[in-house]
Amino acid sequence: MSDTDSFIEEVTEEVRRDRLFLMLKRYGWIGAVAVVLIVGGAAWREYSQAQARSNAQAVGDAMSAALSAETAEARAEGLAAIATEEAGAQAVVDMARAAALVEAEDTEAAAAVLDGIATNGALPSVYRDIAAFKSVVLQSSVLAAEDRRLRLEALAVPGGALHYLAAEQLALLDIEEGKTDAALSRLREIAGAAGVSRDLQERVSQVIVALGGSLEADAQEG
């Protein structure tokens, strides 16, 4: 390499360094901000997770203390005093409170708590559906048959978390109204469905037999 080429290369390299230094001087703050944001974001996530764990533990401790009360009334009162900003955790607390109210024979108040959960749009559907199901079952002796049927049909949608449990209740409602064939049809569908729990299968099978039907009736009719 000639002295001229070597000189040109050195000058070119120097120009590159100058340009790089100038760019860092002009735009280096962007990288600094990015680093701060990344580090700050990680710290905030860690803080949020720690807060969530702390809040969950506090709610759990408060529930344990409330549930250790000797009477159902005292348990319901203790649970009513627990408040948390996390909707799912509050729903769990409220369901426990509803159970305590049922034990205290205050069905009306328990149903009101459950209905509040069922209509809370901030909650995932599974929470709302469970609360709605508990409410309609709890009020089976006071709700009109038409109202019960409407509520249960909304929960018995295929693919829903409470599809078969709601269908079982609809079958029992059919029996109350003297619709034996409709009840047997629902019960056989539940008994033959995949994924149904053994307890539910046994319950519906017993009701089918009690109604004078059989699980094989559909196959024989076909």
C-alpha atoms as a PDB file:
ATOM      1  CA  MET A   1       0.000   0.000   0.000  1.00  0.00           C
ATOM      2  CA  SER A   2       1.412   3.456  -0.963  1.00  0.00           C
ATOM      3  CA  ASP A   3       1.829   6.292   1.488  1.00  0.00           C
ATOM      4  CA  THR A   4      -0.943   8.137  -0.337  1.00  0.00           C
ATOM      5  CA  ASP A   5      -3.387   5.221   0.048  1.00  0.00           C
ATOM      6  CA  SER A   6      -2.440   4.840   3.690  1.00  0.00           C
ATOM      7  CA  PHE A   7      -3.010   8.527   4.298  1.00  0.00           C
ATOM      8  CA  ILE A   8      -6.401   8.461   2.566  1.00  0.00           C
ATOM      9  CA  GLU A   9      -7.474   5.450   4.648  1.00  0.00           C
ATOM     10  CA  GLU A  10      -6.451   7.166   7.880  1.00  0.00           C
ATOM     11  CA  VAL A  11      -8.321  10.312   6.926  1.00  0.00           C
ATOM     12  CA  THR A  12     -11.408   8.264   5.988  1.00  0.00           C
ATOM     13  CA  GLU A  13     -11.305   6.416   9.309  1.00  0.00           C
ATOM     14  CA  GLU A  14     -10.943   9.710  11.170  1.00  0.00           C
ATOM     15  CA  VAL A  15     -13.955  11.111   9.329  1.00  0.00           C
ATOM     16  CA  ARG A  16     -15.976   8.038  10.271  1.00  0.00           C
ATOM     17  CA  ARG A  17     -15.030   8.455  13.931  1.00  0.00           C
ATOM     18  CA  ASP A  18     -15.953  12.134  13.810  1.00  0.00           C
ATOM     19  CA  ARG A  19     -19.320  11.308  12.260  1.00  0.00           C
ATOM     20  CA  LEU A  20     -19.973   8.612  14.850  1.00  0.00           C
ATOM     21  CA  PHE A  21     -19.054  10.974  17.667  1.00  0.00           C
ATOM     22  CA  LEU A  22     -21.326  13.652  16.188  1.00  0.00           C
ATOM     23  CA  MET A  23     -24.235  11.177  15.903  1.00  0.00           C
ATOM     24  CA  LEU A  24     -23.729  10.019  19.471  1.00  0.00           C
ATOM     25  CA  LYS A  25     -23.619  13.621  20.589  1.00  0.00           C
ATOM     26  CA  ARG A  26     -26.845  14.432  18.737  1.00  0.00           C
ATOM     27  CA  TYR A  27     -28.827  11.237  19.265  1.00  0.00           C
ATOM     28  CA  GLY A  28     -27.140   9.471  22.143  1.00  0.00           C
ATOM     29  CA  TRP A  29     -29.904  10.675  24.488  1.00  0.00           C
ATOM     30  CA  ILE A  30     -32.319   8.348  22.642  1.00  0.00           C
ATOM     31  CA  GLY A  31     -30.298   5.333  23.682  1.00  0.00           C
ATOM     32  CA  ALA A  32     -30.082   6.646  27.231  1.00  0.00           C
ATOM     33  CA  VAL A  33     -33.835   7.121  27.354  1.00  0.00           C
ATOM     34  CA  ALA A  34     -34.347   3.621  25.960  1.00  0.00           C
ATOM     35  CA  VAL A  35     -32.120   2.154  28.653  1.00  0.00           C
ATOM     36  CA  VAL A  36     -33.978   4.095  31.341  1.00  0.00           C
ATOM     37  CA  LEU A  37     -37.325   2.916  29.987  1.00  0.00           C
ATOM     38  CA  ILE A  38     -36.213  -0.717  29.841  1.00  0.00           C
ATOM     39  CA  VAL A  39     -34.740  -0.664  33.333  1.00  0.00           C
ATOM     40  CA  GLY A  40     -37.662   1.361  34.667  1.00  0.00           C
ATOM     41  CA  GLY A  41     -40.188  -0.964  33.048  1.00  0.00           C
ATOM     42  CA  ALA A  42     -38.540  -4.019  34.571  1.00  0.00           C
ATOM     43  CA  ALA A  43     -38.464  -2.346  37.970  1.00  0.00           C
ATOM     44  CA  TRP A  44     -42.134  -1.348  37.678  1.00  0.00           C
ATOM     45  CA  ARG A  45     -43.142  -4.886  36.718  1.00  0.00           C
ATOM     46  CA  GLU A  46     -41.250  -6.262  39.683  1.00  0.00           C
ATOM     47  CA  TYR A  47     -42.865  -3.686  41.962  1.00  0.00           C
ATOM     48  CA  SER A  48     -46.343  -4.410  40.562  1.00  0.00           C
ATOM     49  CA  GLN A  49     -45.877  -8.146  40.987  1.00  0.00           C
ATOM     50  CA  ALA A  50     -44.672  -7.642  44.550  1.00  0.00           C
ATOM     51  CA  GLN A  51     -47.681  -5.426  45.255  1.00  0.00           C
ATOM     52  CA  ALA A  52     -50.039  -7.995  43.748  1.00  0.00           C
ATOM     53  CA  ARG A  53     -48.514 -10.749  45.889  1.00  0.00           C
ATOM     54  CA  SER A  54     -48.748  -8.558  48.956  1.00  0.00           C
ATOM     55  CA  ASN A  55     -52.373  -7.631  48.248  1.00  0.00           C
ATOM     56  CA  ALA A  56     -53.322 -11.249  47.583  1.00  0.00           C
ATOM     57  CA  GLN A  57     -51.708 -12.321  50.837  1.00  0.00           C
ATOM     58  CA  ALA A  58     -53.496  -9.542  52.716  1.00  0.00           C
ATOM     59  CA  VAL A  59     -56.855 -10.577  51.261  1.00  0.00           C
ATOM     60  CA  GLY A  60     -56.149 -14.219  52.041  1.00  0.00           C
ATOM     61  CA  ASP A  61     -55.207 -13.402  55.628  1.00  0.00           C
ATOM     62  CA  ALA A  62     -58.332 -11.271  56.039  1.00  0.00           C
ATOM     63  CA  MET A  63     -60.517 -14.070  54.647  1.00  0.00           C
ATOM     64  CA  SER A  64     -58.927 -16.616  56.962  1.00  0.00           C
ATOM     65  CA  ALA A  65     -59.575 -14.357  59.931  1.00  0.00           C
ATOM     66  CA  ALA A  66     -63.195 -13.739  58.906  1.00  0.00           C
ATOM     67  CA  LEU A  67     -63.895 -17.422  58.239  1.00  0.00           C
ATOM     68  CA  SER A  68     -62.517 -18.386  61.653  1.00  0.00           C
ATOM     69  CA  ALA A  69     -65.424 -16.626  63.380  1.00  0.00           C
ATOM     70  CA  GLU A  70     -67.690 -18.938  65.345  1.00  0.00           C
ATOM     71  CA  THR A  71     -71.042 -17.980  63.810  1.00  0.00           C
ATOM     72  CA  ALA A  72     -72.161 -17.686  60.200  1.00  0.00           C
ATOM     73  CA  GLU A  73     -73.413 -14.163  60.868  1.00  0.00           C
ATOM     74  CA  ALA A  74     -70.002 -13.120  62.164  1.00  0.00           C
ATOM     75  CA  ARG A  75     -68.289 -14.730  59.183  1.00  0.00           C
ATOM     76  CA  ALA A  76     -70.557 -12.886  56.756  1.00  0.00           C
ATOM     77  CA  GLU A  77     -69.934  -9.603  58.575  1.00  0.00           C
ATOM     78  CA  GLY A  78     -66.178 -10.126  58.549  1.00  0.00           C
ATOM     79  CA  LEU A  79     -66.150 -10.948  54.846  1.00  0.00           C
ATOM     80  CA  ALA A  80     -68.293  -7.905  54.064  1.00  0.00           C
ATOM     81  CA  ALA A  81     -65.552  -5.701  55.540  1.00  0.00           C
ATOM     82  CA  ILE A  82     -62.942  -6.986  53.064  1.00  0.00           C
ATOM     83  CA  ALA A  83     -62.408  -4.777  50.025  1.00  0.00           C
ATOM     84  CA  THR A  84     -59.839  -5.120  47.246  1.00  0.00           C
ATOM     85  CA  GLU A  85     -59.358  -3.384  43.903  1.00  0.00           C
ATOM     86  CA  GLU A  86     -58.698  -6.697  42.134  1.00  0.00           C
ATOM     87  CA  ALA A  87     -62.084  -7.730  40.730  1.00  0.00           C
ATOM     88  CA  GLY A  88     -61.433 -11.475  40.707  1.00  0.00           C
ATOM     89  CA  ALA A  89     -60.251 -11.519  44.314  1.00  0.00           C
ATOM     90  CA  GLN A  90     -63.257  -9.461  45.378  1.00  0.00           C
ATOM     91  CA  ALA A  91     -65.557 -11.913  43.623  1.00  0.00           C
ATOM     92  CA  VAL A  92     -64.025 -14.795  45.598  1.00  0.00           C
ATOM     93  CA  VAL A  93     -64.529 -12.868  48.837  1.00  0.00           C
ATOM     94  CA  ASP A  94     -68.120 -12.076  47.920  1.00  0.00           C
ATOM     95  CA  MET A  95     -68.899 -15.691  47.030  1.00  0.00           C
ATOM     96  CA  ALA A  96     -67.578 -16.752  50.417  1.00  0.00           C
ATOM     97  CA  ARG A  97     -69.754 -14.072  51.991  1.00  0.00           C
ATOM     98  CA  ALA A  98     -72.797 -15.366  50.106  1.00  0.00           C
ATOM     99  CA  ALA A  99     -72.085 -18.876  51.394  1.00  0.00           C
ATOM    100  CA  ALA A 100     -71.916 -17.534  54.955  1.00  0.00           C
ATOM    101  CA  LEU A 101     -75.215 -15.707  54.459  1.00  0.00           C
ATOM    102  CA  VAL A 102     -76.825 -18.914  53.214  1.00  0.00           C
ATOM    103  CA  GLU A 103     -75.551 -20.695  56.309  1.00  0.00           C
ATOM    104  CA  ALA A 104     -77.034 -17.867  58.384  1.00  0.00           C
ATOM    105  CA  GLU A 105     -80.353 -18.500  56.570  1.00  0.00           C
ATOM    106  CA  ASP A 106     -80.358 -15.050  54.966  1.00  0.00           C
ATOM    107  CA  THR A 107     -81.142 -16.269  51.464  1.00  0.00           C
ATOM    108  CA  GLU A 108     -82.294 -12.903  50.174  1.00  0.00           C
ATOM    109  CA  ALA A 109     -79.039 -11.178  51.102  1.00  0.00           C
ATOM    110  CA  ALA A 110     -76.973 -14.058  49.698  1.00  0.00           C
ATOM    111  CA  ALA A 111     -78.831 -13.878  46.391  1.00  0.00           C
ATOM    112  CA  ALA A 112     -78.264 -10.126  46.226  1.00  0.00           C
ATOM    113  CA  VAL A 113     -74.498 -10.634  46.669  1.00  0.00           C
ATOM    114  CA  LEU A 114     -74.428 -13.332  43.984  1.00  0.00           C
ATOM    115  CA  ASP A 115     -76.473 -11.225  41.576  1.00  0.00           C
ATOM    116  CA  GLY A 116     -74.005  -8.378  42.093  1.00  0.00           C
ATOM    117  CA  ILE A 117     -71.177 -10.663  40.979  1.00  0.00           C
ATOM    118  CA  ALA A 118     -73.217 -12.011  38.055  1.00  0.00           C
ATOM    119  CA  THR A 119     -73.821  -8.517  36.668  1.00  0.00           C
ATOM    120  CA  ASN A 120     -70.274  -7.203  37.138  1.00  0.00           C
ATOM    121  CA  GLY A 121     -68.964  -6.665  33.624  1.00  0.00           C
ATOM    122  CA  ALA A 122     -65.389  -6.254  34.889  1.00  0.00           C
ATOM    123  CA  LEU A 123     -65.244  -9.950  35.789  1.00  0.00           C
ATOM    124  CA  PRO A 124     -64.419 -12.864  33.473  1.00  0.00           C
ATOM    125  CA  SER A 125     -67.522 -14.754  32.349  1.00  0.00           C
ATOM    126  CA  VAL A 126     -66.711 -17.810  34.455  1.00  0.00           C
ATOM    127  CA  TYR A 127     -67.103 -15.787  37.679  1.00  0.00           C
ATOM    128  CA  ARG A 128     -70.372 -14.267  36.482  1.00  0.00           C
ATOM    129  CA  ASP A 129     -71.755 -17.609  35.327  1.00  0.00           C
ATOM    130  CA  ILE A 130     -70.948 -19.372  38.592  1.00  0.00           C
ATOM    131  CA  ALA A 131     -72.571 -16.586  40.600  1.00  0.00           C
ATOM    132  CA  ALA A 132     -75.642 -16.558  38.347  1.00  0.00           C
ATOM    133  CA  PHE A 133     -75.983 -20.335  38.651  1.00  0.00           C
ATOM    134  CA  LYS A 134     -75.661 -20.275  42.439  1.00  0.00           C
ATOM    135  CA  SER A 135     -78.221 -17.487  42.620  1.00  0.00           C
ATOM    136  CA  VAL A 136     -80.899 -19.235  40.561  1.00  0.00           C
ATOM    137  CA  VAL A 137     -80.423 -22.529  42.423  1.00  0.00           C
ATOM    138  CA  LEU A 138     -80.546 -20.722  45.746  1.00  0.00           C
ATOM    139  CA  GLN A 139     -83.803 -19.019  44.779  1.00  0.00           C
ATOM    140  CA  SER A 140     -85.428 -22.066  43.175  1.00  0.00           C
ATOM    141  CA  SER A 141     -88.278 -21.992  45.694  1.00  0.00           C
ATOM    142  CA  VAL A 142     -89.087 -18.297  45.251  1.00  0.00           C
ATOM    143  CA  LEU A 143     -88.417 -17.514  41.588  1.00  0.00           C
ATOM    144  CA  ALA A 144     -91.174 -18.079  39.058  1.00  0.00           C
ATOM    145  CA  ALA A 145     -90.607 -21.114  36.842  1.00  0.00           C
ATOM    146  CA  GLU A 146     -90.431 -18.920  33.729  1.00  0.00           C
ATOM    147  CA  ASP A 147     -87.750 -16.710  35.291  1.00  0.00           C
ATOM    148  CA  ARG A 148     -85.735 -19.726  36.397  1.00  0.00           C
ATOM    149  CA  ARG A 149     -85.948 -21.253  32.937  1.00  0.00           C
ATOM    150  CA  LEU A 150     -84.754 -18.049  31.241  1.00  0.00           C
ATOM    151  CA  ARG A 151     -81.775 -17.760  33.595  1.00  0.00           C
ATOM    152  CA  LEU A 152     -80.817 -21.414  33.258  1.00  0.00           C
ATOM    153  CA  GLU A 153     -81.142 -21.448  29.474  1.00  0.00           C
ATOM    154  CA  ALA A 154     -78.683 -18.541  29.326  1.00  0.00           C
ATOM    155  CA  LEU A 155     -76.196 -20.692  31.256  1.00  0.00           C
ATOM    156  CA  ALA A 156     -76.899 -23.926  29.368  1.00  0.00           C
ATOM    157  CA  VAL A 157     -75.389 -22.668  26.113  1.00  0.00           C
ATOM    158  CA  PRO A 158     -73.257 -25.440  24.536  1.00  0.00           C
ATOM    159  CA  GLY A 159     -69.600 -24.900  25.282  1.00  0.00           C
ATOM    160  CA  GLY A 160     -70.289 -22.854  28.383  1.00  0.00           C
ATOM    161  CA  ALA A 161     -68.539 -23.658  31.655  1.00  0.00           C
ATOM    162  CA  LEU A 162     -71.846 -24.580  33.313  1.00  0.00           C
ATOM    163  CA  HIS A 163     -73.577 -26.089  30.299  1.00  0.00           C
ATOM    164  CA  TYR A 164     -74.372 -29.482  31.818  1.00  0.00           C
ATOM    165  CA  LEU A 165     -75.044 -28.297  35.359  1.00  0.00           C
ATOM    166  CA  ALA A 166     -77.554 -25.776  34.015  1.00  0.00           C
ATOM    167  CA  ALA A 167     -79.051 -28.480  31.766  1.00  0.00           C
ATOM    168  CA  GLU A 168     -79.493 -30.703  34.821  1.00  0.00           C
ATOM    169  CA  GLN A 169     -81.417 -27.942  36.569  1.00  0.00           C
ATOM    170  CA  LEU A 170     -83.548 -27.439  33.465  1.00  0.00           C
ATOM    171  CA  ALA A 171     -84.358 -31.149  33.509  1.00  0.00           C
ATOM    172  CA  LEU A 172     -85.457 -30.870  37.143  1.00  0.00           C
ATOM    173  CA  LEU A 173     -87.607 -27.898  36.169  1.00  0.00           C
ATOM    174  CA  ASP A 174     -89.132 -30.000  33.373  1.00  0.00           C
ATOM    175  CA  ILE A 175     -89.993 -32.648  35.946  1.00  0.00           C
ATOM    176  CA  GLU A 176     -91.658 -30.052  38.187  1.00  0.00           C
ATOM    177  CA  GLU A 177     -93.810 -28.979  35.248  1.00  0.00           C
ATOM    178  CA  GLY A 178     -94.714 -32.571  34.330  1.00  0.00           C
ATOM    179  CA  LYS A 179     -92.610 -32.595  31.151  1.00  0.00           C
ATOM    180  CA  THR A 180     -91.131 -36.046  31.702  1.00  0.00           C
ATOM    181  CA  ASP A 181     -90.109 -36.720  28.098  1.00  0.00           C
ATOM    182  CA  ALA A 182     -88.258 -33.403  27.861  1.00  0.00           C
ATOM    183  CA  ALA A 183     -86.530 -34.123  31.171  1.00  0.00           C
ATOM    184  CA  LEU A 184     -85.445 -37.603  30.041  1.00  0.00           C
ATOM    185  CA  SER A 185     -84.079 -36.200  26.801  1.00  0.00           C
ATOM    186  CA  ARG A 186     -81.967 -33.634  28.639  1.00  0.00           C
ATOM    187  CA  LEU A 187     -80.764 -36.160  31.199  1.00  0.00           C
ATOM    188  CA  ARG A 188     -79.731 -38.710  28.554  1.00  0.00           C
ATOM    189  CA  GLU A 189     -77.814 -36.025  26.701  1.00  0.00           C
ATOM    190  CA  ILE A 190     -75.908 -35.177  29.879  1.00  0.00           C
ATOM    191  CA  ALA A 191     -75.223 -38.822  30.746  1.00  0.00           C
ATOM    192  CA  GLY A 192     -73.829 -39.545  27.291  1.00  0.00           C
ATOM    193  CA  ALA A 193     -71.726 -36.405  26.906  1.00  0.00           C
ATOM    194  CA  ALA A 194     -67.942 -36.587  26.945  1.00  0.00           C
ATOM    195  CA  GLY A 195     -66.207 -34.713  29.728  1.00  0.00           C
ATOM    196  CA  VAL A 196     -69.111 -34.871  32.166  1.00  0.00           C
ATOM    197  CA  SER A 197     -67.976 -35.600  35.718  1.00  0.00           C
ATOM    198  CA  ARG A 198     -68.688 -39.020  37.235  1.00  0.00           C
ATOM    199  CA  ASP A 199     -70.775 -37.449  40.015  1.00  0.00           C
ATOM    200  CA  LEU A 200     -73.021 -35.667  37.525  1.00  0.00           C
ATOM    201  CA  GLN A 201     -73.380 -38.809  35.396  1.00  0.00           C
ATOM    202  CA  GLU A 202     -74.402 -40.799  38.464  1.00  0.00           C
ATOM    203  CA  ARG A 203     -76.941 -38.170  39.527  1.00  0.00           C
ATOM    204  CA  VAL A 204     -78.653 -37.943  36.152  1.00  0.00           C
ATOM    205  CA  SER A 205     -78.609 -41.735  35.759  1.00  0.00           C
ATOM    206  CA  GLN A 206     -80.413 -42.114  39.074  1.00  0.00           C
ATOM    207  CA  VAL A 207     -83.039 -39.561  38.043  1.00  0.00           C
ATOM    208  CA  ILE A 208     -83.534 -41.322  34.689  1.00  0.00           C
ATOM    209  CA  VAL A 209     -84.167 -44.620  36.460  1.00  0.00           C
ATOM    210  CA  ALA A 210     -86.470 -42.908  38.973  1.00  0.00           C
ATOM    211  CA  LEU A 211     -88.519 -41.563  36.058  1.00  0.00           C
ATOM    212  CA  GLY A 212     -88.876 -45.066  34.641  1.00  0.00           C
ATOM    213  CA  GLY A 213     -86.493 -44.489  31.753  1.00  0.00           C
ATOM    214  CA  SER A 214     -83.163 -46.014  30.774  1.00  0.00           C
ATOM    215  CA  LEU A 215     -79.899 -44.795  29.350  1.00  0.00           C
ATOM    216  CA  GLU A 216     -80.301 -47.073  26.322  1.00  0.00           C
ATOM    217  CA  ALA A 217     -83.729 -45.750  25.391  1.00  0.00           C
ATOM    218  CA  ASP A 218     -82.434 -43.440  22.672  1.00  0.00           C
ATOM    219  CA  ALA A 219     -80.493 -46.228  20.979  1.00  0.00           C
ATOM    220  CA  GLN A 220     -83.532 -48.519  21.022  1.00  0.00           C
ATOM    221  CA  GLU A 221     -85.782 -45.803  19.630  1.00  0.00           C
ATOM    222  CA  GLY A 222     -83.273 -45.110  16.798  1.00  0.00           C
END
